Amino acid sequence: MIARTVVIGTPLGLHARPAARFVQAVADTGLDVTITRDGRTVNAAGILGVMSLDVNGGDTVTLTVDDNGRDDIADVAGRLDALAALLATNLDA
């Protein structure tokens, strides 16, 4: 498993617009990413699931990708790093 923990940089959290930007970025990676907050895990490619986590600015979330059997671990880690960096920014700006 490859995981990244990140503090949400959008002051109002992952409401509709920031969640949509994040979900699109996840889809663009082509990875099966999950996002976890307070023990609840959802598919990061689904906007309703992401919004159901009720993520607020300053909350900490964990992004995870299953790396079993992959030979492109460095590439996967780089794409996950990019998603984490995106969440750390203000997606409302």
C-alpha atoms as a PDB file:
ATOM      1  CA  MET A   1       0.000   0.000   0.000  1.00  0.00           C
ATOM      2  CA  ILE A   2       1.127   3.511  -0.777  1.00  0.00           C
ATOM      3  CA  ALA A   3      -0.388   6.187   1.432  1.00  0.00           C
ATOM      4  CA  ARG A   4      -0.091   9.916   1.858  1.00  0.00           C
ATOM      5  CA  THR A   5      -1.514  11.947   4.734  1.00  0.00           C
ATOM      6  CA  VAL A   6      -2.379  15.558   4.009  1.00  0.00           C
ATOM      7  CA  VAL A   7      -3.967  18.538   5.733  1.00  0.00           C
ATOM      8  CA  ILE A   8      -6.759  20.081   3.643  1.00  0.00           C
ATOM      9  CA  GLY A   9      -5.744  23.547   2.433  1.00  0.00           C
ATOM     10  CA  THR A  10      -9.138  24.764   1.230  1.00  0.00           C
ATOM     11  CA  PRO A  11     -10.548  26.861   4.119  1.00  0.00           C
ATOM     12  CA  LEU A  12     -14.133  25.680   3.566  1.00  0.00           C
ATOM     13  CA  GLY A  13     -13.092  22.068   2.989  1.00  0.00           C
ATOM     14  CA  LEU A  14     -14.150  19.708   0.229  1.00  0.00           C
ATOM     15  CA  HIS A  15     -17.524  21.191  -0.655  1.00  0.00           C
ATOM     16  CA  ALA A  16     -18.869  20.809  -4.209  1.00  0.00           C
ATOM     17  CA  ARG A  17     -16.344  22.750  -6.313  1.00  0.00           C
ATOM     18  CA  PRO A  18     -13.121  21.669  -4.562  1.00  0.00           C
ATOM     19  CA  ALA A  19     -14.408  18.089  -4.326  1.00  0.00           C
ATOM     20  CA  ALA A  20     -15.152  18.100  -8.064  1.00  0.00           C
ATOM     21  CA  ARG A  21     -11.654  19.385  -8.857  1.00  0.00           C
ATOM     22  CA  PHE A  22     -10.102  16.711  -6.658  1.00  0.00           C
ATOM     23  CA  VAL A  23     -12.267  13.890  -8.033  1.00  0.00           C
ATOM     24  CA  GLN A  24     -11.376  14.913 -11.606  1.00  0.00           C
ATOM     25  CA  ALA A  25      -7.688  14.909 -10.705  1.00  0.00           C
ATOM     26  CA  VAL A  26      -8.069  11.406  -9.254  1.00  0.00           C
ATOM     27  CA  ALA A  27      -9.770  10.223 -12.448  1.00  0.00           C
ATOM     28  CA  ASP A  28      -6.974  11.756 -14.512  1.00  0.00           C
ATOM     29  CA  THR A  29      -4.367   9.666 -12.663  1.00  0.00           C
ATOM     30  CA  GLY A  30      -6.006   6.400 -13.679  1.00  0.00           C
ATOM     31  CA  LEU A  31      -5.400   5.044 -10.168  1.00  0.00           C
ATOM     32  CA  ASP A  32      -7.847   3.416  -7.760  1.00  0.00           C
ATOM     33  CA  VAL A  33      -7.432   5.874  -4.908  1.00  0.00           C
ATOM     34  CA  THR A  34      -9.263   5.840  -1.595  1.00  0.00           C
ATOM     35  CA  ILE A  35      -9.588   8.757   0.799  1.00  0.00           C
ATOM     36  CA  THR A  36      -9.990   8.261   4.559  1.00  0.00           C
ATOM     37  CA  ARG A  37     -11.109  10.682   7.261  1.00  0.00           C
ATOM     38  CA  ASP A  38     -11.773   9.694  10.860  1.00  0.00           C
ATOM     39  CA  GLY A  39     -11.843   5.989  10.029  1.00  0.00           C
ATOM     40  CA  ARG A  40     -14.279   6.312   7.092  1.00  0.00           C
ATOM     41  CA  THR A  41     -12.897   5.339   3.682  1.00  0.00           C
ATOM     42  CA  VAL A  42     -14.459   6.048   0.290  1.00  0.00           C
ATOM     43  CA  ASN A  43     -13.480   5.807  -3.345  1.00  0.00           C
ATOM     44  CA  ALA A  44     -11.751   9.111  -4.155  1.00  0.00           C
ATOM     45  CA  ALA A  45     -13.113   9.018  -7.720  1.00  0.00           C
ATOM     46  CA  GLY A  46     -16.706   9.448  -6.529  1.00  0.00           C
ATOM     47  CA  ILE A  47     -17.840  12.977  -5.723  1.00  0.00           C
ATOM     48  CA  LEU A  48     -20.725  11.893  -3.505  1.00  0.00           C
ATOM     49  CA  GLY A  49     -18.445   9.687  -1.444  1.00  0.00           C
ATOM     50  CA  VAL A  50     -15.826  12.403  -1.083  1.00  0.00           C
ATOM     51  CA  MET A  51     -18.443  14.975  -0.074  1.00  0.00           C
ATOM     52  CA  SER A  52     -20.012  12.508   2.389  1.00  0.00           C
ATOM     53  CA  LEU A  53     -16.781  12.550   4.413  1.00  0.00           C
ATOM     54  CA  ASP A  54     -17.608  16.140   5.412  1.00  0.00           C
ATOM     55  CA  VAL A  55     -13.982  17.238   5.138  1.00  0.00           C
ATOM     56  CA  ASN A  56     -13.318  20.734   6.519  1.00  0.00           C
ATOM     57  CA  GLY A  57     -10.343  23.032   6.041  1.00  0.00           C
ATOM     58  CA  GLY A  58      -7.487  21.935   8.283  1.00  0.00           C
ATOM     59  CA  ASP A  59      -8.769  18.357   8.556  1.00  0.00           C
ATOM     60  CA  THR A  60      -6.324  15.537   7.929  1.00  0.00           C
ATOM     61  CA  VAL A  61      -7.102  12.864   5.338  1.00  0.00           C
ATOM     62  CA  THR A  62      -5.187   9.872   4.038  1.00  0.00           C
ATOM     63  CA  LEU A  63      -4.982   8.929   0.367  1.00  0.00           C
ATOM     64  CA  THR A  64      -4.196   5.292  -0.391  1.00  0.00           C
ATOM     65  CA  VAL A  65      -3.411   3.219  -3.488  1.00  0.00           C
ATOM     66  CA  ASP A  66      -2.988  -0.558  -3.497  1.00  0.00           C
ATOM     67  CA  ASP A  67       0.429  -1.325  -4.989  1.00  0.00           C
ATOM     68  CA  ASN A  68       0.174  -5.135  -5.051  1.00  0.00           C
ATOM     69  CA  GLY A  69       1.797  -6.552  -8.149  1.00  0.00           C
ATOM     70  CA  ARG A  70       2.662  -3.167  -9.659  1.00  0.00           C
ATOM     71  CA  ASP A  71       6.006  -2.596 -11.288  1.00  0.00           C
ATOM     72  CA  ASP A  72       5.562   1.183 -11.597  1.00  0.00           C
ATOM     73  CA  ILE A  73       5.664   2.018  -7.887  1.00  0.00           C
ATOM     74  CA  ALA A  74       7.696   5.213  -8.350  1.00  0.00           C
ATOM     75  CA  ASP A  75       5.205   6.513 -10.916  1.00  0.00           C
ATOM     76  CA  VAL A  76       2.232   5.635  -8.702  1.00  0.00           C
ATOM     77  CA  ALA A  77       3.885   7.311  -5.722  1.00  0.00           C
ATOM     78  CA  GLY A  78       4.510  10.426  -7.799  1.00  0.00           C
ATOM     79  CA  ARG A  79       0.883  10.613  -8.912  1.00  0.00           C
ATOM     80  CA  LEU A  80      -0.280  10.132  -5.311  1.00  0.00           C
ATOM     81  CA  ASP A  81       2.122  12.887  -4.203  1.00  0.00           C
ATOM     82  CA  ALA A  82       0.556  15.205  -6.795  1.00  0.00           C
ATOM     83  CA  LEU A  83      -2.947  14.463  -5.463  1.00  0.00           C
ATOM     84  CA  ALA A  84      -1.799  15.131  -1.902  1.00  0.00           C
ATOM     85  CA  ALA A  85      -0.196  18.408  -2.986  1.00  0.00           C
ATOM     86  CA  LEU A  86      -3.446  19.400  -4.688  1.00  0.00           C
ATOM     87  CA  LEU A  87      -5.443  18.814  -1.506  1.00  0.00           C
ATOM     88  CA  ALA A  88      -2.934  20.883   0.469  1.00  0.00           C
ATOM     89  CA  THR A  89      -3.692  23.932  -1.703  1.00  0.00           C
ATOM     90  CA  ASN A  90      -6.720  26.207  -1.650  1.00  0.00           C
ATOM     91  CA  LEU A  91      -8.912  24.655  -4.346  1.00  0.00           C
ATOM     92  CA  ASP A  92     -11.303  27.611  -4.113  1.00  0.00           C
ATOM     93  CA  ALA A  93      -8.621  30.060  -5.272  1.00  0.00           C
END
